[in-house]
Amino acid sequence: MAGTGPEALAVVPNETSSFDEMYAAHYGDLTVQLYAYFGDRQEAQDVVQEAFCRAYARWRTMSRFDDPVAWVRRVAWNLAVSRWRRKRTVRTFLRRQRPVEPQVDGPDPDRVALIAALATLPDTQRRATVLHYLGDLSVAEIAEREGVPAGTVKSWLHRARQSLAGQLAGPPTSTSPKEIS
């Protein structure tokens, strides 16, 4: 059984120790180089770490290279360029988007008061009022839609107007001579 003797076990620690030595000797230098490129220490550390992880997975082959550090450096730079391109693409995409959503003013107090007043009406009166004044339907169209005579729709509209007028009546707009002095 070849490769199961004591000499096979001795090969793994030597390979691991040579990888550990290479990692210890070159991790800092590669990180500094990529930090200068990225301007982001965390990103540089991540890229160099990824390159060393890929090297470790192929270490049996790479340990025979004349300069395995050159391979790790090339992989780290390729990863760095790929990340830089990905970020550039994201920035370009984001620049093309609308930078700020337009600010929309909230409803004015009159509209809020109208909605609140409409909510107090019975369903039939509210529906007839909305369809007639906001939906621009005629009395006949509302009557046909609701399945009631036109007189009933007129009654609903009349009652709704009276109720809304009472609820939405604001302060008097004319001033008496006493109020002026």
Protein backbone atom coordinates (compact mmCIF):
# COMPACT_ATOMS: atom_id res chain seq x y z
CA MET A 1 0.00 0.00 0.00
CA ALA A 2 1.87 2.95 -1.28
CA GLY A 3 1.37 6.31 0.36
CA THR A 4 0.09 4.99 3.70
CA GLY A 5 3.42 4.63 5.45
CA PRO A 6 5.07 7.08 7.83
CA GLU A 7 6.75 8.96 4.96
CA ALA A 8 3.32 9.84 3.45
CA LEU A 9 2.24 11.36 6.75
CA ALA A 10 5.44 13.39 6.92
CA VAL A 11 4.72 15.01 3.52
CA VAL A 12 1.47 16.69 4.67
CA PRO A 13 3.01 18.59 7.62
CA ASN A 14 5.89 19.76 5.42
CA GLU A 15 3.49 21.01 2.76
CA THR A 16 1.32 22.68 5.37
CA SER A 17 4.25 24.23 7.11
CA SER A 18 5.61 25.59 3.83
CA PHE A 19 2.19 27.09 3.07
CA ASP A 20 2.05 28.56 6.57
CA GLU A 21 5.49 30.06 6.09
CA MET A 22 4.53 31.56 2.73
CA TYR A 23 1.30 32.94 4.23
CA ALA A 24 3.10 34.47 7.20
CA ALA A 25 5.81 35.97 5.01
CA HIS A 26 3.63 37.49 2.29
CA TYR A 27 0.13 38.13 3.67
CA GLY A 28 1.04 41.55 5.08
CA ASP A 29 2.88 42.72 1.95
CA LEU A 30 0.03 41.71 -0.36
CA THR A 31 -2.52 43.31 1.93
CA VAL A 32 -0.59 46.60 1.90
CA GLN A 33 -0.37 46.54 -1.91
CA LEU A 34 -4.08 45.94 -2.32
CA TYR A 35 -4.94 48.42 0.41
CA ALA A 36 -3.12 51.04 -1.65
CA TYR A 37 -5.16 49.96 -4.67
CA PHE A 38 -8.57 49.77 -2.96
CA GLY A 39 -8.20 52.41 -0.31
CA ASP A 40 -10.16 50.04 1.92
CA ARG A 41 -8.24 47.90 4.39
CA GLN A 42 -11.08 45.42 4.97
CA GLU A 43 -11.58 44.89 1.23
CA ALA A 44 -7.83 44.35 0.75
CA GLN A 45 -7.71 41.83 3.58
CA ASP A 46 -10.70 39.96 2.15
CA VAL A 47 -9.16 39.74 -1.33
CA VAL A 48 -5.78 38.55 -0.06
CA GLN A 49 -7.43 36.04 2.24
CA GLU A 50 -9.49 34.71 -0.67
CA ALA A 51 -6.38 34.37 -2.82
CA PHE A 52 -4.59 32.41 -0.08
CA CYS A 53 -7.65 30.18 0.39
CA ARG A 54 -7.57 29.35 -3.31
CA ALA A 55 -3.85 28.69 -3.10
CA TYR A 56 -4.30 26.38 -0.11
CA ALA A 57 -6.91 24.35 -1.99
CA ARG A 58 -4.32 23.80 -4.78
CA TRP A 59 -1.24 23.67 -2.59
CA ARG A 60 -0.08 20.19 -3.65
CA THR A 61 0.28 21.50 -7.21
CA MET A 62 1.34 25.02 -6.35
CA SER A 63 4.08 23.98 -3.96
CA ARG A 64 5.99 22.74 -7.01
CA PHE A 65 5.85 26.15 -8.75
CA ASP A 66 9.04 28.18 -8.95
CA ASP A 67 7.28 31.15 -7.31
CA PRO A 68 3.92 30.26 -5.70
CA VAL A 69 3.70 33.79 -4.25
CA ALA A 70 3.47 35.17 -7.79
CA TRP A 71 0.40 32.99 -8.36
CA VAL A 72 -1.21 34.20 -5.14
CA ARG A 73 -0.40 37.81 -6.03
CA ARG A 74 -1.93 37.41 -9.51
CA VAL A 75 -5.10 35.83 -8.07
CA ALA A 76 -5.38 38.58 -5.45
CA TRP A 77 -5.04 41.31 -8.08
CA ASN A 78 -7.54 39.58 -10.36
CA LEU A 79 -10.01 39.38 -7.47
CA ALA A 80 -9.38 43.03 -6.66
CA VAL A 81 -10.00 44.12 -10.25
CA SER A 82 -13.17 42.01 -10.40
CA ARG A 83 -14.50 43.59 -7.21
CA TRP A 84 -13.57 47.05 -8.44
CA ARG A 85 -15.43 46.44 -11.72
CA ARG A 86 -18.46 45.10 -9.87
CA LYS A 87 -18.55 48.19 -7.64
CA ARG A 88 -18.12 50.47 -10.65
CA THR A 89 -21.08 48.77 -12.35
CA VAL A 90 -23.20 49.21 -9.24
CA ARG A 91 -22.24 52.89 -8.95
CA THR A 92 -23.07 53.46 -12.62
CA PHE A 93 -26.42 51.76 -12.16
CA LEU A 94 -27.22 53.80 -9.08
CA ARG A 95 -26.24 57.05 -10.80
CA ARG A 96 -28.72 56.31 -13.57
CA GLN A 97 -31.53 55.92 -11.08
CA ARG A 98 -33.53 58.87 -9.92
CA PRO A 99 -31.39 60.34 -7.17
CA VAL A 100 -34.24 61.53 -4.98
CA GLU A 101 -37.88 60.73 -5.01
CA PRO A 102 -39.91 63.87 -5.61
CA GLN A 103 -41.39 65.32 -2.46
CA VAL A 104 -45.17 65.20 -2.56
CA ASP A 105 -47.09 67.49 -0.26
CA GLY A 106 -49.64 65.86 1.98
CA PRO A 107 -53.33 66.54 1.56
CA ASP A 108 -54.47 70.00 2.49
CA PRO A 109 -56.70 70.43 5.54
CA ASP A 110 -59.82 70.94 3.41
CA ARG A 111 -59.35 67.57 1.73
CA VAL A 112 -58.79 65.86 5.06
CA ALA A 113 -61.95 67.46 6.43
CA LEU A 114 -63.93 66.40 3.35
CA ILE A 115 -62.76 62.78 3.60
CA ALA A 116 -63.61 62.72 7.30
CA ALA A 117 -67.05 64.22 6.64
CA LEU A 118 -67.75 61.74 3.81
CA ALA A 119 -66.89 58.90 6.17
CA THR A 120 -69.77 59.92 8.46
CA LEU A 121 -72.39 59.59 5.70
CA PRO A 122 -74.42 56.41 5.24
CA ASP A 123 -72.99 54.17 2.51
CA THR A 124 -75.67 54.98 -0.08
CA GLN A 125 -75.29 58.74 0.37
CA ARG A 126 -71.49 58.55 0.36
CA ARG A 127 -71.42 56.39 -2.77
CA ALA A 128 -73.89 58.66 -4.61
CA THR A 129 -71.94 61.79 -3.61
CA VAL A 130 -68.59 60.38 -4.68
CA LEU A 131 -69.95 59.03 -7.97
CA HIS A 132 -71.76 62.29 -8.80
CA TYR A 133 -69.21 64.91 -7.72
CA LEU A 134 -65.92 63.08 -8.06
CA GLY A 135 -66.83 60.45 -10.67
CA ASP A 136 -68.81 62.86 -12.85
CA LEU A 137 -71.74 60.45 -13.23
CA SER A 138 -75.21 61.83 -13.81
CA VAL A 139 -78.14 61.10 -11.50
CA ALA A 140 -79.55 58.72 -14.14
CA GLU A 141 -76.24 56.83 -14.41
CA ILE A 142 -76.00 56.46 -10.64
CA ALA A 143 -79.63 55.29 -10.47
CA GLU A 144 -78.98 52.67 -13.14
CA ARG A 145 -75.75 51.53 -11.44
CA GLU A 146 -77.41 51.27 -8.01
CA GLY A 147 -80.65 49.80 -9.35
CA VAL A 148 -82.87 52.49 -7.78
CA PRO A 149 -85.13 55.22 -9.19
CA ALA A 150 -83.54 58.60 -10.04
CA GLY A 151 -85.63 60.27 -7.33
CA THR A 152 -83.92 58.09 -4.71
CA VAL A 153 -80.49 59.18 -5.93
CA LYS A 154 -81.61 62.84 -5.81
CA SER A 155 -82.78 62.28 -2.24
CA TRP A 156 -79.46 60.70 -1.26
CA LEU A 157 -77.54 63.60 -2.81
CA HIS A 158 -79.76 66.20 -1.09
CA ARG A 159 -79.33 64.59 2.34
CA ALA A 160 -75.60 64.19 1.80
CA ARG A 161 -75.20 67.86 0.84
CA GLN A 162 -77.12 68.97 3.93
CA SER A 163 -75.03 66.76 6.20
CA LEU A 164 -71.75 67.82 4.60
CA ALA A 165 -72.71 71.52 4.71
CA GLY A 166 -73.34 71.24 8.44
CA GLN A 167 -70.04 69.45 9.06
CA LEU A 168 -67.87 71.52 6.74
CA ALA A 169 -69.27 74.97 7.56
CA GLY A 170 -66.31 77.11 8.42
CA PRO A 171 -66.16 80.42 10.23
CA PRO A 172 -68.23 83.16 8.63
CA THR A 173 -66.44 84.95 5.81
CA SER A 174 -68.26 88.29 6.13
CA THR A 175 -67.37 90.61 8.96
CA SER A 176 -69.80 92.78 10.79
CA PRO A 177 -68.96 96.38 11.77
CA LYS A 178 -68.58 95.28 15.43
CA GLU A 179 -65.86 92.78 14.50
CA ILE A 180 -63.86 95.41 12.63
CA SER A 181 -63.58 97.91 15.48
